[in-house]
C-alpha cells in the first residue's frame, strides 16, 4: 500500500526557524497579529464579521488586476479592500442594509476577479497566495509597509477609541449625544480594509477569520472589559502565529494550517468552558427557584403527622 502523507518531524527545525525567510515570516506575522488584535474587538462588537470576510474576497480582483497592470499585488489588494470597505460603510449604515450591500459588493467583486483571472496568464500563483496566504514569502519591503500600517492603525485607534467604542456599543444613543457615528464608521471601515490587506497576505482569504475574528470572539468570552479584551485578543493572535510558525518548521507544514488550528482550538476550549459554566449556573438557579415551592408542602406534612 502506497502512502502519500508527507508529515514528518524535522530534526533541523531550529535551523529552519532562524533562517532569513522564517525571520521575515515571524516579524510579518507578529505585525499582522498586533493589527488584528487592535481591530478584531470592534469587528465583533459592531457585528461586521461578514463584512470582514467579504473584504478579503473583494480584494481578489485587486490582486488579479494588479497582475494585469504589472503593479505590486499588495497595491491592488489594498485599493480594492479599502475601496470596498468605504462603499460598505457609506451604503450600509444600518445592520440590515450593511448585509445586503456587503453581499452585493462581494458578488460583483468575485465576478470581476474571475474575469481578471481569465485574462491574466500569470495569475494562478497569485490566486493561490490570496486564497491561502504565503507567510513564508513576505519580503523586506512588505515588512516595512506592514510596520507603517500598524503604526498608523495604532495611532488612529488610540485617538478615536472612546467615541468608537461608544458608537459600537450603542450607535443610536451615541448619535443622539452628538458623536459623529457616520464618520467613525467610515474611518473604522477604512482601517478594517487596511488590516484585511495585511492579514490576507499572511493567512489568505479563506483563513482570515483565524487572525481577526476568532481571537477577538474568544477574548470577549473571557472578559467584558474592552481594553482587556483587546489585549487578550492580541495575545491569542500573536501566540497562534508564533506557535504556528514553530510547528510548521518542526513538521514541514504550511504555516496557515497550524496558525488557524491553534486559534480555533483556543476558541473551542473557551467556548466549551463557558457553555459548561453556563449550564451549571442555570441548574443552580433552577434548583433555587424550585426550593420555596417545596417548603410549604413539607410543613403541612409535618403538621399532619403531629396531629
Protein backbone atom coordinates (compact mmCIF):
# COMPACT_ATOMS: atom_id res chain seq x y z
CA UNK A 1 0.00 0.00 0.00
CA UNK A 2 1.44 3.37 -1.04
CA UNK A 3 1.22 6.27 1.41
CA UNK A 4 1.29 9.90 0.31
CA UNK A 5 1.42 11.52 3.76
CA UNK A 6 4.47 13.80 3.88
CA UNK A 7 4.13 14.83 7.54
CA UNK A 8 7.36 14.14 9.42
CA UNK A 9 9.42 15.59 12.23
CA UNK A 10 12.37 17.70 11.06
CA UNK A 11 15.34 17.49 13.46
CA UNK A 12 16.84 20.68 12.00
CA UNK A 13 13.72 22.73 12.73
CA UNK A 14 15.63 25.33 14.78
CA UNK A 15 17.93 25.99 11.83
CA UNK A 16 14.86 26.48 9.64
CA UNK A 17 13.20 28.70 12.23
CA UNK A 18 16.23 31.01 12.39
CA UNK A 19 16.66 31.28 8.62
CA UNK A 20 16.12 34.56 6.78
CA UNK A 21 12.75 33.79 5.22
CA UNK A 22 11.40 32.44 8.51
CA UNK A 23 12.62 35.53 10.36
CA UNK A 24 10.66 37.68 7.91
CA UNK A 25 7.64 35.44 8.46
CA UNK A 26 7.93 35.81 12.25
CA UNK A 27 8.19 39.60 12.04
CA UNK A 28 5.41 39.88 9.46
CA UNK A 29 3.14 37.52 11.37
CA UNK A 30 3.75 39.47 14.58
CA UNK A 31 2.81 42.76 12.92
CA UNK A 32 -0.34 41.27 11.40
CA UNK A 33 -1.31 39.68 14.74
CA UNK A 34 -0.93 43.02 16.53
CA UNK A 35 -3.06 44.76 13.91
CA UNK A 36 -5.70 42.03 14.07
CA UNK A 37 -5.82 42.30 17.86
CA UNK A 38 -6.45 46.05 17.67
CA UNK A 39 -9.26 45.88 15.12
CA UNK A 40 -10.79 42.47 15.90
CA UNK A 41 -12.60 43.53 19.08
CA UNK A 42 -14.51 46.24 17.23
CA UNK A 43 -15.29 43.83 14.38
CA UNK A 44 -17.11 41.51 16.80
CA UNK A 45 -18.82 44.26 18.82
CA UNK A 46 -20.00 46.09 15.68
CA UNK A 47 -21.18 42.78 14.14
CA UNK A 48 -19.13 43.25 10.98
CA UNK A 49 -17.68 39.74 10.81
CA UNK A 50 -19.40 39.07 7.49
CA UNK A 51 -18.05 42.33 6.07
CA UNK A 52 -14.56 41.34 7.21
CA UNK A 53 -14.81 38.00 5.45
CA UNK A 54 -16.27 39.67 2.36
CA UNK A 55 -13.47 42.27 2.18
CA UNK A 56 -10.90 39.50 1.85
CA UNK A 57 -12.74 38.20 -1.21
CA UNK A 58 -13.30 41.72 -2.53
CA UNK A 59 -9.51 42.08 -2.59
CA UNK A 60 -9.25 39.16 -5.02
CA UNK A 61 -9.95 41.18 -8.20
CA UNK A 62 -7.49 43.78 -6.95
CA UNK A 63 -4.75 41.16 -6.79
CA UNK A 64 -5.50 39.68 -10.20
CA UNK A 65 -5.97 43.14 -11.71
CA UNK A 66 -2.58 44.17 -10.35
CA UNK A 67 -1.04 41.26 -12.25
CA UNK A 68 -2.66 42.51 -15.46
CA UNK A 69 -1.36 46.05 -14.91
CA UNK A 70 2.09 44.96 -13.75
CA UNK A 71 1.84 46.65 -10.33
CA UNK A 72 2.52 45.07 -6.92
CA UNK A 73 -0.19 42.67 -5.81
CA UNK A 74 -0.37 44.36 -2.38
CA UNK A 75 -1.33 47.64 -4.06
CA UNK A 76 -4.25 46.01 -5.86
CA UNK A 77 -5.33 44.26 -2.67
CA UNK A 78 -5.23 47.50 -0.71
CA UNK A 79 -7.16 49.53 -3.27
CA UNK A 80 -9.99 47.03 -3.54
CA UNK A 81 -10.14 46.17 0.18
CA UNK A 82 -10.20 49.79 1.33
CA UNK A 83 -12.47 50.83 -1.54
CA UNK A 84 -14.90 48.02 -0.82
CA UNK A 85 -14.85 48.87 2.88
CA UNK A 86 -15.71 52.51 2.16
CA UNK A 87 -18.57 51.52 -0.14
CA UNK A 88 -19.99 49.22 2.55
CA UNK A 89 -19.55 51.97 5.15
CA UNK A 90 -21.33 54.60 3.03
CA UNK A 91 -24.28 52.48 1.85
CA UNK A 92 -24.72 50.19 4.86
CA UNK A 93 -25.39 52.40 7.85
CA UNK A 94 -27.88 50.00 9.46
CA UNK A 95 -27.06 46.34 10.09
CA UNK A 96 -29.75 45.05 7.72
CA UNK A 97 -28.64 47.38 4.91
CA UNK A 98 -24.99 46.52 5.53
CA UNK A 99 -25.62 42.81 5.00
CA UNK A 100 -27.32 43.42 1.64
CA UNK A 101 -24.69 45.93 0.47
CA UNK A 102 -21.87 43.63 1.55
CA UNK A 103 -23.33 40.66 -0.31
CA UNK A 104 -23.89 42.71 -3.46
CA UNK A 105 -20.39 44.22 -3.48
CA UNK A 106 -18.93 40.78 -2.77
CA UNK A 107 -20.76 39.20 -5.72
CA UNK A 108 -19.63 41.96 -8.08
CA UNK A 109 -16.03 41.69 -6.87
CA UNK A 110 -15.88 37.90 -7.29
CA UNK A 111 -17.23 38.18 -10.82
CA UNK A 112 -14.66 40.84 -11.64
CA UNK A 113 -11.92 38.69 -10.11
CA UNK A 114 -12.85 35.72 -12.27
CA UNK A 115 -12.79 37.94 -15.35
CA UNK A 116 -9.34 39.33 -14.49
CA UNK A 117 -8.08 35.82 -13.77
CA UNK A 118 -9.24 34.61 -17.18
CA UNK A 119 -7.34 37.44 -18.87
CA UNK A 120 -4.07 37.09 -16.94
CA UNK A 121 -1.73 34.25 -17.89
CA UNK A 122 0.42 34.51 -14.76
CA UNK A 123 -2.23 34.88 -12.07
CA UNK A 124 -2.65 31.25 -10.96
CA UNK A 125 0.00 31.53 -8.24
CA UNK A 126 -1.39 34.92 -7.27
CA UNK A 127 -4.85 33.41 -6.82
CA UNK A 128 -3.41 30.60 -4.67
CA UNK A 129 -1.48 33.04 -2.46
CA UNK A 130 -4.50 35.28 -1.99
CA UNK A 131 -6.78 32.37 -1.12
CA UNK A 132 -4.42 30.54 1.24
CA UNK A 133 -1.74 33.09 2.12
CA UNK A 134 2.02 32.81 1.83
CA UNK A 135 3.56 33.98 5.08
CA UNK A 136 6.94 32.46 4.21
CA UNK A 137 7.27 34.66 1.12
CA UNK A 138 6.96 38.04 2.89
CA UNK A 139 9.71 40.38 1.72
CA UNK A 140 11.57 43.17 3.46
CA UNK A 141 9.57 45.76 1.53
CA UNK A 142 6.31 44.22 2.75
CA UNK A 143 7.60 44.26 6.32
CA UNK A 144 8.28 47.99 6.05
CA UNK A 145 4.79 48.67 4.68
CA UNK A 146 3.24 46.44 7.38
CA UNK A 147 5.09 48.36 10.09
CA UNK A 148 3.90 51.72 8.74
CA UNK A 149 0.31 50.49 8.55
CA UNK A 150 0.49 49.10 12.10
CA UNK A 151 1.74 52.43 13.49
CA UNK A 152 -0.99 54.28 11.57
CA UNK A 153 -3.63 51.87 12.83
CA UNK A 154 -2.44 52.18 16.43
CA UNK A 155 -2.40 55.99 16.33
CA UNK A 156 -5.88 56.31 14.85
CA UNK A 157 -7.40 53.71 17.18
CA UNK A 158 -5.88 55.48 20.20
CA UNK A 159 -7.36 58.81 19.03
CA UNK A 160 -10.89 57.57 18.36
CA UNK A 161 -11.03 54.74 20.92
CA UNK A 162 -13.66 56.19 23.28
CA UNK A 163 -16.14 57.57 20.72
CA UNK A 164 -15.68 54.49 18.52
CA UNK A 165 -16.40 52.21 21.48
CA UNK A 166 -19.48 54.27 22.39
CA UNK A 167 -20.74 54.20 18.80
CA UNK A 168 -20.04 50.47 18.51
CA UNK A 169 -21.97 49.54 21.66
CA UNK A 170 -24.98 51.83 21.16
CA UNK A 171 -24.94 53.84 17.95
CA UNK A 172 -28.38 55.42 18.46
CA UNK A 173 -27.53 56.87 21.86
CA UNK A 174 -24.09 57.92 20.65
CA UNK A 175 -25.61 59.76 17.69
CA UNK A 176 -28.12 61.48 19.99
CA UNK A 177 -25.21 62.62 22.18
CA UNK A 178 -23.53 64.24 19.18
CA UNK A 179 -20.95 61.54 18.41
CA UNK A 180 -20.10 61.54 14.66
CA UNK A 181 -21.25 57.96 14.14
CA UNK A 182 -21.13 58.02 10.33
CA UNK A 183 -17.61 59.49 10.20
CA UNK A 184 -16.38 56.98 12.79
CA UNK A 185 -17.93 54.15 10.78
CA UNK A 186 -16.10 55.29 7.65
CA UNK A 187 -12.78 55.56 9.49
CA UNK A 188 -13.26 52.14 11.05
CA UNK A 189 -14.10 50.51 7.72
CA UNK A 190 -11.01 52.06 6.11
CA UNK A 191 -8.84 50.72 8.95
CA UNK A 192 -10.51 47.33 8.58
CA UNK A 193 -9.70 47.34 4.86
CA UNK A 194 -6.02 48.02 5.61
CA UNK A 195 -5.92 45.26 8.23
CA UNK A 196 -7.55 42.78 5.87
CA UNK A 197 -4.97 43.68 3.22
CA UNK A 198 -2.19 42.68 5.62
CA UNK A 199 -3.92 39.60 7.00
CA UNK A 200 -4.71 38.20 3.54
CA UNK A 201 -1.00 38.16 2.74
CA UNK A 202 -0.36 36.18 5.95
CA UNK A 203 -3.12 33.55 6.12
CA UNK A 204 -5.10 34.15 2.93
CA UNK A 205 -8.71 34.93 2.16
CA UNK A 206 -10.16 31.60 3.25
CA UNK A 207 -8.46 31.59 6.67
CA UNK A 208 -8.78 35.27 7.54
CA UNK A 209 -11.15 34.71 10.47
CA UNK A 210 -8.42 32.89 12.38
CA UNK A 211 -6.50 36.12 13.00
CA UNK A 212 -9.13 38.85 13.07
CA UNK A 213 -12.44 37.42 14.29
CA UNK A 214 -11.72 34.21 16.22
CA UNK A 215 -9.23 35.61 18.80
CA UNK A 216 -11.48 38.62 19.43
CA UNK A 217 -14.53 36.39 19.92
CA UNK A 218 -12.51 34.26 22.33
CA UNK A 219 -11.33 37.30 24.30
CA UNK A 220 -14.87 38.65 24.66
CA UNK A 221 -15.93 35.33 26.20
CA UNK A 222 -13.10 35.67 28.72
CA UNK A 223 -13.62 39.28 29.84
CA UNK A 224 -16.28 42.00 29.48
CA UNK A 225 -13.71 44.82 29.70
CA UNK A 226 -12.96 46.30 26.25
CA UNK A 227 -9.31 47.20 26.82
CA UNK A 228 -8.52 43.86 28.44
CA UNK A 229 -10.39 42.03 25.67
CA UNK A 230 -8.26 43.80 23.04
CA UNK A 231 -5.07 42.83 24.89
CA UNK A 232 -6.26 39.23 25.26
CA UNK A 233 -7.24 39.07 21.59
CA UNK A 234 -3.82 40.35 20.56
CA UNK A 235 -2.11 37.80 22.81
CA UNK A 236 -4.12 34.94 21.28
CA UNK A 237 -3.39 36.09 17.72
CA UNK A 238 0.30 36.50 18.47
CA UNK A 239 0.56 33.12 20.19
CA UNK A 240 -1.19 31.41 17.26
CA UNK A 241 1.23 32.98 14.76
CA UNK A 242 4.40 32.21 16.71
CA UNK A 243 3.41 28.68 17.71
CA UNK A 244 2.05 28.01 14.23
CA UNK A 245 5.30 29.02 12.57
CA UNK A 246 7.25 26.89 15.03
CA UNK A 247 5.03 23.91 14.31
CA UNK A 248 5.36 24.41 10.57
CA UNK A 249 9.15 24.37 10.90
CA UNK A 250 9.06 21.21 13.02
CA UNK A 251 6.74 19.19 10.80
CA UNK A 252 7.14 20.77 7.35
CA UNK A 253 3.60 22.17 7.26
CA UNK A 254 2.20 25.27 5.51
CA UNK A 255 2.12 27.92 8.28
CA UNK A 256 -1.53 28.89 7.74
CA UNK A 257 -2.78 25.47 8.87
CA UNK A 258 -1.23 25.37 12.38
CA UNK A 259 -1.96 29.08 12.91
CA UNK A 260 -5.64 28.53 12.17
CA UNK A 261 -5.75 25.27 14.13
CA UNK A 262 -4.29 26.87 17.26
CA UNK A 263 -6.61 29.90 17.15
CA UNK A 264 -9.68 27.72 16.62
CA UNK A 265 -8.61 25.26 19.33
CA UNK A 266 -8.31 28.07 21.89
CA UNK A 267 -11.76 29.34 20.91
CA UNK A 268 -13.25 25.84 21.21
CA UNK A 269 -11.78 25.30 24.69
CA UNK A 270 -13.01 28.68 25.96
CA UNK A 271 -16.45 28.19 24.40
CA UNK A 272 -16.79 24.73 25.95
CA UNK A 273 -15.75 26.09 29.36
CA UNK A 274 -18.25 28.95 29.15
CA UNK A 275 -21.01 26.62 27.98
CA UNK A 276 -20.33 24.24 30.86
CA UNK A 277 -20.30 27.05 33.44
CA UNK A 278 -23.50 28.45 31.96
CA UNK A 279 -25.22 25.07 32.18
CA UNK A 280 -24.09 24.65 35.80
CA UNK A 281 -25.28 28.14 36.75
CA UNK A 282 -28.65 27.50 35.11
CA UNK A 283 -29.07 24.25 37.01
CA UNK A 284 -28.27 26.01 40.31
CA UNK A 285 -30.77 28.78 39.56
CA UNK A 286 -33.48 26.27 38.70
CA UNK A 287 -32.90 24.37 41.95
CA UNK A 288 -33.10 27.61 43.95
CA UNK A 289 -36.33 28.60 42.21
CA UNK A 290 -37.94 25.26 42.96
CA UNK A 291 -36.89 25.17 46.65
CA UNK A 292 -39.52 27.68 48.03
CA UNK A 293 -42.33 25.80 46.30
CA UNK A 294 -41.47 22.62 48.22
CA UNK A 295 -41.20 24.27 51.65
CA UNK A 296 -44.97 24.76 52.41
CA UNK A 297 -45.71 21.17 51.41
CA UNK A 298 -43.10 19.91 53.87
CA UNK A 299 -44.58 21.96 56.70
CA UNK A 300 -48.11 20.71 56.01
CA UNK A 301 -46.93 17.10 56.05
CA UNK A 302 -45.15 17.68 59.37
CA UNK A 303 -48.23 19.28 60.92
CA UNK A 304 -50.46 16.42 59.79
CA UNK A 305 -48.06 13.89 61.26
CA UNK A 306 -48.15 15.69 64.63
CA UNK A 307 -51.94 15.66 64.77
